[in-house]
Each structure stands twice: as C-alpha cells, then as structure tokens.
C-alpha cells in the first residue's frame, strides 16, 4: 500500500504543481512537509526490505 501512495505522489509532483498566488503561503510549506514524509516512508520501506 505504501508503494502505491508513493508512486501516486511521484506522479503528481513530477508534472509540477501549480498553486494560485493567494494559496502559496500555505501550500508550499505543506508540500515540503508532504515530500519529507514521502521520503521518510520511502527510506523506511527500503530499510525494511534490507532487513
């Protein structure tokens, strides 16, 4: 399940994210947090797979 979510996130971000100017102050920090959690999840999965 995690890999499905990570693949979907990569698909969304690889196309670029456009945000209306009035929402940038909220969306950019949230995108940073979201990317951080995605990278952390990917690292956990990798470490788990390596035993």
Protein backbone atom coordinates (compact mmCIF):
# COMPACT_ATOMS: atom_id res chain seq x y z
CA UNK A 1 0.00 0.00 0.00
CA UNK A 2 2.80 2.41 0.80
CA UNK A 3 4.37 1.91 -2.61
CA UNK A 4 1.06 2.75 -4.31
CA UNK A 5 0.78 6.01 -2.37
CA UNK A 6 4.42 6.92 -3.06
CA UNK A 7 4.02 6.22 -6.78
CA UNK A 8 0.91 8.41 -6.91
CA UNK A 9 2.73 11.21 -5.10
CA UNK A 10 5.64 10.98 -7.52
CA UNK A 11 3.27 11.12 -10.47
CA UNK A 12 1.62 14.27 -9.12
CA UNK A 13 4.84 16.10 -8.32
CA UNK A 14 6.70 15.06 -11.48
CA UNK A 15 4.19 17.04 -13.53
CA UNK A 16 4.82 20.14 -11.45
CA UNK A 17 2.43 21.74 -9.05
CA UNK A 18 0.69 24.99 -9.82
CA UNK A 19 -0.75 26.96 -6.96
CA UNK A 20 -2.77 30.18 -7.07
CA UNK A 21 -0.76 33.06 -5.63
CA UNK A 22 -3.15 33.59 -2.73
CA UNK A 23 -2.58 30.00 -1.54
CA UNK A 24 1.20 29.77 -1.93
CA UNK A 25 2.00 30.76 1.65
CA UNK A 26 0.08 27.72 2.88
CA UNK A 27 0.62 25.20 0.09
CA UNK A 28 4.41 25.47 -0.22
CA UNK A 29 5.13 24.58 3.45
CA UNK A 30 2.58 21.76 3.23
CA UNK A 31 4.20 20.44 0.06
CA UNK A 32 7.56 20.50 1.81
CA UNK A 33 6.14 18.54 4.72
CA UNK A 34 4.42 16.11 2.37
CA UNK A 35 7.62 15.50 0.42
CA UNK A 36 9.52 15.00 3.68
CA UNK A 37 7.02 12.37 4.86
CA UNK A 38 7.13 10.65 1.46
CA UNK A 39 10.92 10.47 1.54
CA UNK A 40 10.84 9.18 5.09
CA UNK A 41 8.33 6.50 4.14
CA UNK A 42 10.48 5.50 1.16
CA UNK A 43 13.52 5.23 3.46
CA UNK A 44 11.60 3.10 5.98
CA UNK A 45 10.42 0.74 3.22
CA UNK A 46 13.94 0.48 1.86
CA UNK A 47 15.42 -0.27 5.27
CA UNK A 48 12.70 -2.82 5.98
CA UNK A 49 13.34 -4.54 2.66
CA UNK A 50 17.05 -4.72 3.51
CA UNK A 51 16.26 -6.43 6.80
